[in-house]
Amino acid sequence: MKALGKDISRNFQSNSLRKETYYKNTGIVIRYEFYHSQSELIIDETDKVLAEHYGLKEGELDFIINYDIKHRMGKGGGDE
């Protein structure tokens, strides 16, 4: 699990953009924008490993993955 945590961190970092903005009062502010939808495969893999670790049933894992797709990845089909 520790290796998976490092993998997902590296994946998030590789799917991010470093942005710099200059503000009159504070100077340059550096921030990162993360695009988690580009990490969907490793997120699903992590969900499966954690589901096995915590003894979740297949239906519970399915709920988590579908929730993830609908709400976190912005792929929801409509209002519910």
N, C-alpha and C. Protein backbone atom coordinates (compact mmCIF):
# COMPACT_ATOMS: atom_id res chain seq x y z
N MET A 1 0.82 -1.20 0.00
CA MET A 1 0.00 0.00 0.00
C MET A 1 0.86 1.26 0.00
N LYS A 2 2.00 1.19 0.66
CA LYS A 2 2.88 2.35 0.72
C LYS A 2 3.36 2.72 -0.69
N ALA A 3 3.70 1.72 -1.49
CA ALA A 3 4.16 1.98 -2.87
C ALA A 3 3.03 2.60 -3.70
N LEU A 4 1.81 2.11 -3.48
CA LEU A 4 0.66 2.66 -4.19
C LEU A 4 0.45 4.13 -3.83
N GLY A 5 0.66 4.47 -2.59
CA GLY A 5 0.55 5.87 -2.15
C GLY A 5 1.58 6.75 -2.86
N LYS A 6 2.79 6.24 -2.99
CA LYS A 6 3.83 7.00 -3.71
C LYS A 6 3.47 7.11 -5.19
N ASP A 7 2.94 6.02 -5.76
CA ASP A 7 2.56 6.05 -7.18
C ASP A 7 1.47 7.08 -7.45
N ILE A 8 0.47 7.11 -6.58
CA ILE A 8 -0.63 8.06 -6.80
C ILE A 8 -0.15 9.50 -6.61
N SER A 9 0.75 9.72 -5.66
CA SER A 9 1.30 11.08 -5.46
C SER A 9 2.08 11.53 -6.69
N ARG A 10 2.91 10.62 -7.24
CA ARG A 10 3.66 10.95 -8.45
C ARG A 10 2.72 11.22 -9.63
N ASN A 11 1.66 10.41 -9.72
CA ASN A 11 0.70 10.58 -10.80
C ASN A 11 -0.01 11.92 -10.69
N PHE A 12 -0.45 12.28 -9.49
CA PHE A 12 -1.10 13.59 -9.29
C PHE A 12 -0.15 14.72 -9.68
N GLN A 13 1.11 14.59 -9.27
CA GLN A 13 2.10 15.62 -9.58
C GLN A 13 2.31 15.75 -11.09
N SER A 14 2.37 14.61 -11.78
CA SER A 14 2.59 14.65 -13.23
C SER A 14 1.37 15.18 -13.98
N ASN A 15 0.20 15.14 -13.34
CA ASN A 15 -1.03 15.66 -13.94
C ASN A 15 -1.42 17.01 -13.33
N SER A 16 -0.41 17.82 -13.06
CA SER A 16 -0.67 19.14 -12.50
C SER A 16 0.10 20.20 -13.30
N LEU A 17 -0.33 21.41 -13.14
CA LEU A 17 0.35 22.54 -13.77
C LEU A 17 0.77 23.54 -12.70
N ARG A 18 1.99 24.00 -12.80
CA ARG A 18 2.50 25.04 -11.90
C ARG A 18 2.12 26.38 -12.53
N LYS A 19 1.49 27.24 -11.75
CA LYS A 19 1.08 28.55 -12.24
C LYS A 19 1.62 29.63 -11.31
N GLU A 20 2.06 30.69 -11.92
CA GLU A 20 2.56 31.84 -11.17
C GLU A 20 1.68 33.05 -11.49
N THR A 21 1.34 33.79 -10.44
CA THR A 21 0.57 35.01 -10.62
C THR A 21 1.24 36.11 -9.81
N TYR A 22 1.33 37.27 -10.40
CA TYR A 22 1.90 38.41 -9.70
C TYR A 22 0.78 39.25 -9.11
N TYR A 23 0.91 39.54 -7.81
CA TYR A 23 -0.03 40.42 -7.12
C TYR A 23 0.75 41.61 -6.58
N LYS A 24 0.16 42.78 -6.70
CA LYS A 24 0.82 44.02 -6.28
C LYS A 24 1.21 43.96 -4.80
N ASN A 25 0.32 43.43 -3.95
CA ASN A 25 0.57 43.44 -2.50
C ASN A 25 1.50 42.33 -2.04
N THR A 26 1.47 41.18 -2.71
CA THR A 26 2.23 40.03 -2.20
C THR A 26 3.36 39.57 -3.12
N GLY A 27 3.39 40.08 -4.33
CA GLY A 27 4.42 39.64 -5.27
C GLY A 27 3.97 38.39 -6.00
N ILE A 28 4.93 37.56 -6.35
CA ILE A 28 4.62 36.35 -7.11
C ILE A 28 4.07 35.27 -6.16
N VAL A 29 2.94 34.72 -6.55
CA VAL A 29 2.33 33.61 -5.82
C VAL A 29 2.36 32.40 -6.75
N ILE A 30 2.91 31.30 -6.25
CA ILE A 30 3.00 30.07 -7.04
C ILE A 30 1.95 29.10 -6.51
N ARG A 31 1.21 28.52 -7.45
CA ARG A 31 0.19 27.53 -7.06
C ARG A 31 0.21 26.41 -8.08
N TYR A 32 -0.36 25.29 -7.68
CA TYR A 32 -0.46 24.14 -8.58
C TYR A 32 -1.93 23.81 -8.81
N GLU A 33 -2.26 23.55 -10.05
CA GLU A 33 -3.60 23.08 -10.40
C GLU A 33 -3.49 21.59 -10.70
N PHE A 34 -4.28 20.79 -9.99
CA PHE A 34 -4.27 19.34 -10.17
C PHE A 34 -5.46 18.91 -11.00
N TYR A 35 -5.22 18.06 -11.96
CA TYR A 35 -6.26 17.56 -12.85
C TYR A 35 -6.49 16.08 -12.56
N HIS A 36 -7.28 15.83 -11.51
CA HIS A 36 -7.48 14.47 -11.02
C HIS A 36 -8.19 13.57 -12.01
N SER A 37 -8.96 14.14 -12.91
CA SER A 37 -9.65 13.31 -13.90
C SER A 37 -8.65 12.58 -14.79
N GLN A 38 -7.44 13.12 -14.93
CA GLN A 38 -6.41 12.45 -15.71
C GLN A 38 -5.76 11.30 -14.94
N SER A 39 -6.09 11.17 -13.67
CA SER A 39 -5.54 10.11 -12.82
C SER A 39 -6.58 9.03 -12.51
N GLU A 40 -7.62 8.97 -13.30
CA GLU A 40 -8.75 8.07 -13.01
C GLU A 40 -8.32 6.61 -12.84
N LEU A 41 -7.42 6.12 -13.69
CA LEU A 41 -7.02 4.70 -13.60
C LEU A 41 -6.34 4.37 -12.28
N ILE A 42 -5.41 5.23 -11.84
CA ILE A 42 -4.71 4.94 -10.59
C ILE A 42 -5.63 5.16 -9.39
N ILE A 43 -6.58 6.08 -9.50
CA ILE A 43 -7.55 6.28 -8.42
C ILE A 43 -8.42 5.03 -8.28
N ASP A 44 -8.87 4.47 -9.40
CA ASP A 44 -9.66 3.24 -9.35
C ASP A 44 -8.86 2.08 -8.79
N GLU A 45 -7.59 1.99 -9.17
CA GLU A 45 -6.72 0.94 -8.63
C GLU A 45 -6.57 1.07 -7.12
N THR A 46 -6.41 2.30 -6.66
CA THR A 46 -6.29 2.57 -5.23
C THR A 46 -7.58 2.20 -4.50
N ASP A 47 -8.72 2.55 -5.09
CA ASP A 47 -10.01 2.18 -4.50
C ASP A 47 -10.14 0.67 -4.35
N LYS A 48 -9.68 -0.08 -5.34
CA LYS A 48 -9.77 -1.55 -5.28
C LYS A 48 -8.89 -2.12 -4.18
N VAL A 49 -7.68 -1.59 -4.06
CA VAL A 49 -6.76 -2.06 -3.01
C VAL A 49 -7.33 -1.74 -1.63
N LEU A 50 -7.85 -0.54 -1.45
CA LEU A 50 -8.41 -0.16 -0.16
C LEU A 50 -9.69 -0.95 0.16
N ALA A 51 -10.50 -1.22 -0.87
CA ALA A 51 -11.72 -2.01 -0.66
C ALA A 51 -11.36 -3.41 -0.17
N GLU A 52 -10.32 -4.00 -0.75
CA GLU A 52 -9.89 -5.33 -0.30
C GLU A 52 -9.35 -5.26 1.12
N HIS A 53 -8.56 -4.24 1.41
CA HIS A 53 -7.97 -4.08 2.74
C HIS A 53 -9.04 -3.93 3.82
N TYR A 54 -10.09 -3.18 3.52
CA TYR A 54 -11.15 -2.93 4.49
C TYR A 54 -12.31 -3.92 4.39
N GLY A 55 -12.19 -4.89 3.52
CA GLY A 55 -13.21 -5.93 3.41
C GLY A 55 -14.53 -5.46 2.83
N LEU A 56 -14.48 -4.49 1.92
CA LEU A 56 -15.72 -4.02 1.30
C LEU A 56 -16.23 -5.04 0.31
N LYS A 57 -17.53 -5.09 0.18
CA LYS A 57 -18.15 -5.98 -0.79
C LYS A 57 -18.09 -5.34 -2.17
N GLU A 58 -18.31 -6.17 -3.20
CA GLU A 58 -18.23 -5.69 -4.57
C GLU A 58 -19.19 -4.52 -4.84
N GLY A 59 -20.39 -4.60 -4.29
CA GLY A 59 -21.37 -3.53 -4.47
C GLY A 59 -20.92 -2.23 -3.84
N GLU A 60 -20.26 -2.33 -2.69
CA GLU A 60 -19.75 -1.12 -2.03
C GLU A 60 -18.63 -0.47 -2.84
N LEU A 61 -17.74 -1.31 -3.38
CA LEU A 61 -16.68 -0.79 -4.24
C LEU A 61 -17.27 -0.16 -5.49
N ASP A 62 -18.24 -0.81 -6.07
CA ASP A 62 -18.90 -0.28 -7.26
C ASP A 62 -19.51 1.10 -6.97
N PHE A 63 -20.14 1.24 -5.81
CA PHE A 63 -20.71 2.53 -5.42
C PHE A 63 -19.63 3.60 -5.34
N ILE A 64 -18.49 3.26 -4.73
CA ILE A 64 -17.39 4.23 -4.58
C ILE A 64 -16.86 4.65 -5.94
N ILE A 65 -16.62 3.68 -6.81
CA ILE A 65 -16.07 4.00 -8.13
C ILE A 65 -17.07 4.82 -8.95
N ASN A 66 -18.35 4.45 -8.91
CA ASN A 66 -19.35 5.21 -9.66
C ASN A 66 -19.57 6.60 -9.08
N TYR A 67 -19.51 6.72 -7.75
CA TYR A 67 -19.60 8.05 -7.13
C TYR A 67 -18.43 8.90 -7.61
N ASP A 68 -17.26 8.28 -7.62
CA ASP A 68 -16.05 8.95 -8.05
C ASP A 68 -16.20 9.46 -9.48
N ILE A 69 -16.70 8.63 -10.36
CA ILE A 69 -16.87 9.01 -11.76
C ILE A 69 -17.87 10.15 -11.88
N LYS A 70 -18.99 10.02 -11.19
CA LYS A 70 -20.07 11.00 -11.33
C LYS A 70 -19.74 12.35 -10.71
N HIS A 71 -19.22 12.34 -9.50
CA HIS A 71 -19.06 13.59 -8.76
C HIS A 71 -17.65 14.17 -8.82
N ARG A 72 -16.64 13.35 -8.69
CA ARG A 72 -15.28 13.88 -8.66
C ARG A 72 -14.72 14.11 -10.04
N MET A 73 -15.07 13.26 -10.97
CA MET A 73 -14.52 13.39 -12.32
C MET A 73 -15.39 14.26 -13.21
N GLY A 74 -16.56 14.67 -12.71
CA GLY A 74 -17.42 15.56 -13.47
C GLY A 74 -18.06 14.90 -14.67
N LYS A 75 -18.33 13.61 -14.59
CA LYS A 75 -18.92 12.90 -15.71
C LYS A 75 -20.37 12.53 -15.45
N GLY A 76 -21.00 13.19 -14.50
CA GLY A 76 -22.40 12.89 -14.18
C GLY A 76 -23.32 13.20 -15.33
N GLY A 77 -24.36 12.36 -15.47
CA GLY A 77 -25.25 12.50 -16.60
C GLY A 77 -26.40 13.46 -16.39
N GLY A 78 -26.72 13.79 -15.15
CA GLY A 78 -27.86 14.68 -14.94
C GLY A 78 -28.04 15.01 -13.48
N ASP A 79 -29.16 15.61 -13.18
CA ASP A 79 -29.45 15.99 -11.81
C ASP A 79 -30.06 14.81 -11.05
N GLU A 80 -29.50 14.55 -9.87
CA GLU A 80 -30.03 13.50 -9.00
C GLU A 80 -29.98 13.94 -7.57
